[in-house]
Every structure is written in structure tokens, then in C-alpha cells.
N, C-alpha and C. Protein backbone atom coordinates (compact mmCIF):
# COMPACT_ATOMS: atom_id res chain seq x y z
N UNK A 1 0.82 -1.19 0.00
CA UNK A 1 0.00 0.00 0.00
C UNK A 1 0.87 1.26 0.00
N UNK A 2 1.96 1.23 0.75
CA UNK A 2 2.85 2.39 0.78
C UNK A 2 3.47 2.64 -0.59
N UNK A 3 3.78 1.54 -1.30
CA UNK A 3 4.35 1.68 -2.63
C UNK A 3 3.35 2.33 -3.58
N UNK A 4 2.09 1.94 -3.46
CA UNK A 4 1.03 2.50 -4.30
C UNK A 4 0.89 4.00 -4.03
N UNK A 5 0.88 4.39 -2.77
CA UNK A 5 0.76 5.81 -2.42
C UNK A 5 1.98 6.60 -2.89
N UNK A 6 3.15 5.98 -2.85
CA UNK A 6 4.37 6.63 -3.31
C UNK A 6 4.30 6.90 -4.81
N UNK A 7 3.80 5.93 -5.57
CA UNK A 7 3.65 6.10 -7.02
C UNK A 7 2.68 7.23 -7.32
N UNK A 8 1.59 7.29 -6.58
CA UNK A 8 0.59 8.35 -6.79
C UNK A 8 1.19 9.72 -6.52
N UNK A 9 1.95 9.85 -5.44
CA UNK A 9 2.55 11.14 -5.10
C UNK A 9 3.63 11.55 -6.09
N UNK A 10 4.46 10.61 -6.52
CA UNK A 10 5.56 10.94 -7.43
C UNK A 10 5.06 11.34 -8.80
N UNK A 11 4.02 10.69 -9.28
CA UNK A 11 3.52 10.96 -10.62
C UNK A 11 2.36 11.95 -10.64
N UNK A 12 1.99 12.45 -9.46
CA UNK A 12 0.90 13.41 -9.33
C UNK A 12 -0.37 12.88 -9.97
N UNK A 13 -0.74 11.68 -9.61
CA UNK A 13 -1.90 11.02 -10.19
C UNK A 13 -3.19 11.28 -9.43
N UNK A 14 -3.13 12.04 -8.36
CA UNK A 14 -4.33 12.24 -7.54
C UNK A 14 -5.43 12.95 -8.35
N UNK A 15 -5.06 13.88 -9.21
CA UNK A 15 -6.07 14.57 -10.02
C UNK A 15 -6.70 13.61 -11.03
N UNK A 16 -5.90 12.71 -11.59
CA UNK A 16 -6.45 11.72 -12.52
C UNK A 16 -7.39 10.76 -11.81
N UNK A 17 -7.02 10.34 -10.62
CA UNK A 17 -7.88 9.44 -9.86
C UNK A 17 -9.19 10.14 -9.50
N UNK A 18 -9.11 11.41 -9.12
CA UNK A 18 -10.33 12.16 -8.79
C UNK A 18 -11.22 12.31 -10.02
N UNK A 19 -10.62 12.51 -11.20
CA UNK A 19 -11.40 12.62 -12.44
C UNK A 19 -12.13 11.31 -12.74
N UNK A 20 -11.46 10.19 -12.54
CA UNK A 20 -12.09 8.90 -12.80
C UNK A 20 -13.25 8.67 -11.83
N UNK A 21 -13.03 8.97 -10.56
CA UNK A 21 -14.08 8.77 -9.56
C UNK A 21 -15.28 9.68 -9.84
N UNK A 22 -15.02 10.94 -10.14
CA UNK A 22 -16.12 11.87 -10.44
C UNK A 22 -16.86 11.44 -11.70
N UNK A 23 -16.13 10.99 -12.71
CA UNK A 23 -16.77 10.51 -13.94
C UNK A 23 -17.66 9.31 -13.69
N UNK A 24 -17.20 8.40 -12.84
CA UNK A 24 -17.99 7.23 -12.49
C UNK A 24 -19.27 7.64 -11.76
N UNK A 25 -19.15 8.59 -10.84
CA UNK A 25 -20.32 9.08 -10.11
C UNK A 25 -21.30 9.76 -11.05
N UNK A 26 -20.79 10.52 -12.02
CA UNK A 26 -21.66 11.19 -12.99
C UNK A 26 -22.45 10.17 -13.79
N UNK A 27 -21.79 9.11 -14.24
CA UNK A 27 -22.48 8.08 -15.02
C UNK A 27 -23.59 7.43 -14.19
N UNK A 28 -23.29 7.12 -12.94
CA UNK A 28 -24.31 6.51 -12.07
C UNK A 28 -25.48 7.45 -11.86
N UNK A 29 -25.21 8.73 -11.63
CA UNK A 29 -26.29 9.69 -11.41
C UNK A 29 -27.13 9.90 -12.67
N UNK A 30 -26.50 9.87 -13.84
CA UNK A 30 -27.26 10.01 -15.09
C UNK A 30 -28.20 8.83 -15.26
N UNK A 31 -27.71 7.62 -14.96
CA UNK A 31 -28.57 6.44 -15.05
C UNK A 31 -29.74 6.55 -14.08
N UNK A 32 -29.46 6.99 -12.86
CA UNK A 32 -30.54 7.17 -11.89
C UNK A 32 -31.52 8.25 -12.34
N UNK A 33 -31.01 9.28 -12.99
CA UNK A 33 -31.89 10.34 -13.48
C UNK A 33 -32.82 9.83 -14.56
N UNK A 34 -32.33 8.98 -15.45
CA UNK A 34 -33.20 8.42 -16.49
C UNK A 34 -34.21 7.43 -15.91
N UNK A 35 -33.82 6.73 -14.86
CA UNK A 35 -34.75 5.79 -14.25
C UNK A 35 -35.82 6.50 -13.41
N UNK A 36 -35.44 7.63 -12.81
CA UNK A 36 -36.36 8.39 -11.95
C UNK A 36 -36.38 9.85 -12.41
N UNK A 37 -37.13 10.16 -13.46
CA UNK A 37 -37.11 11.54 -13.97
C UNK A 37 -37.73 12.57 -13.01
N UNK A 38 -38.39 12.10 -11.96
CA UNK A 38 -38.99 13.03 -11.01
C UNK A 38 -37.94 13.71 -10.13
N UNK A 39 -36.79 13.13 -10.01
CA UNK A 39 -35.75 13.67 -9.14
C UNK A 39 -34.86 14.62 -9.93
N UNK A 40 -35.32 15.85 -10.05
CA UNK A 40 -34.60 16.85 -10.84
C UNK A 40 -33.33 17.34 -10.16
N UNK A 41 -33.22 17.15 -8.87
CA UNK A 41 -32.01 17.61 -8.17
C UNK A 41 -30.78 16.83 -8.62
N UNK A 42 -30.97 15.62 -9.16
CA UNK A 42 -29.83 14.84 -9.66
C UNK A 42 -29.16 15.56 -10.82
N UNK A 43 -29.93 16.25 -11.63
CA UNK A 43 -29.36 16.98 -12.76
C UNK A 43 -28.46 18.11 -12.27
N UNK A 44 -28.86 18.79 -11.23
CA UNK A 44 -28.03 19.86 -10.67
C UNK A 44 -26.73 19.28 -10.10
N UNK A 45 -26.82 18.12 -9.47
CA UNK A 45 -25.63 17.49 -8.92
C UNK A 45 -24.68 17.07 -10.04
N UNK A 46 -25.24 16.55 -11.14
CA UNK A 46 -24.40 16.16 -12.28
C UNK A 46 -23.68 17.36 -12.85
N UNK A 47 -24.38 18.48 -13.02
CA UNK A 47 -23.73 19.68 -13.53
C UNK A 47 -22.66 20.19 -12.58
N UNK A 48 -22.91 20.14 -11.29
CA UNK A 48 -21.93 20.57 -10.31
C UNK A 48 -20.68 19.68 -10.36
N UNK A 49 -20.87 18.38 -10.49
CA UNK A 49 -19.72 17.48 -10.62
C UNK A 49 -18.95 17.74 -11.91
N UNK A 50 -19.66 18.09 -12.97
CA UNK A 50 -18.99 18.45 -14.22
C UNK A 50 -18.14 19.69 -14.07
N UNK A 51 -18.64 20.66 -13.33
CA UNK A 51 -17.85 21.87 -13.05
C UNK A 51 -16.60 21.52 -12.26
N UNK A 52 -16.75 20.67 -11.26
CA UNK A 52 -15.60 20.27 -10.45
C UNK A 52 -14.56 19.55 -11.31
N UNK A 53 -15.04 18.69 -12.22
CA UNK A 53 -14.13 17.97 -13.09
C UNK A 53 -13.37 18.92 -14.02
N UNK A 54 -14.06 19.93 -14.54
CA UNK A 54 -13.40 20.90 -15.40
C UNK A 54 -12.37 21.73 -14.63
N UNK A 55 -12.68 22.08 -13.40
CA UNK A 55 -11.72 22.83 -12.58
C UNK A 55 -10.48 21.98 -12.30
N UNK A 56 -10.67 20.70 -12.01
CA UNK A 56 -9.53 19.82 -11.78
C UNK A 56 -8.66 19.71 -13.02
N UNK A 57 -9.27 19.62 -14.19
CA UNK A 57 -8.49 19.57 -15.43
C UNK A 57 -7.76 20.88 -15.68
N UNK A 58 -8.39 21.98 -15.31
CA UNK A 58 -7.75 23.29 -15.47
C UNK A 58 -6.53 23.39 -14.56
N UNK A 59 -6.66 22.89 -13.33
CA UNK A 59 -5.54 22.91 -12.39
C UNK A 59 -4.39 22.07 -12.93
N UNK A 60 -4.71 20.89 -13.48
CA UNK A 60 -3.66 20.02 -14.01
C UNK A 60 -2.95 20.66 -15.18
N UNK A 61 -3.68 21.34 -16.06
CA UNK A 61 -3.04 22.02 -17.20
C UNK A 61 -2.19 23.20 -16.71
N UNK A 62 -2.62 23.86 -15.66
CA UNK A 62 -1.87 24.99 -15.13
C UNK A 62 -0.54 24.58 -14.53
N UNK A 63 -0.46 23.36 -14.03
CA UNK A 63 0.79 22.88 -13.45
C UNK A 63 1.83 22.52 -14.49
N UNK A 64 1.38 22.18 -15.70
CA UNK A 64 2.32 21.76 -16.75
C UNK A 64 2.87 22.93 -17.46
């Protein structure tokens, strides 16, 4: 486990891991939104997660 964390820190992969996790959550929420169209708040959450993902990508580009 320590080796895995060391690889993440050295290669700065935390932003990539966060993007994958947020993308996975977005897909799940979109599926739930199509199954339950009455829950409109899910759409707002999906858009908010999209904004967070774009900010994370902007931060990663700014570092390079």
C-alpha cells in the first residue's frame, strides 16, 4: 500500500484518480436520473460534478 501511495505522489496522479471517480459518479447519477425523472435535483448534482471535473483539469493544465 505504501508503494502505491508513493507512485501516486511521485507521478501526481491524484487529479487523474479524482477525475475517474467523479466521472464514475456522474455516469451513475445520469442512469438514476433516467430511471427516476422526477428527481430533478440529480441533474443539478451532475452539472456541479462536471464543473468540479473541469476545474480539476484546469488545475492540471496549469501545473504543466
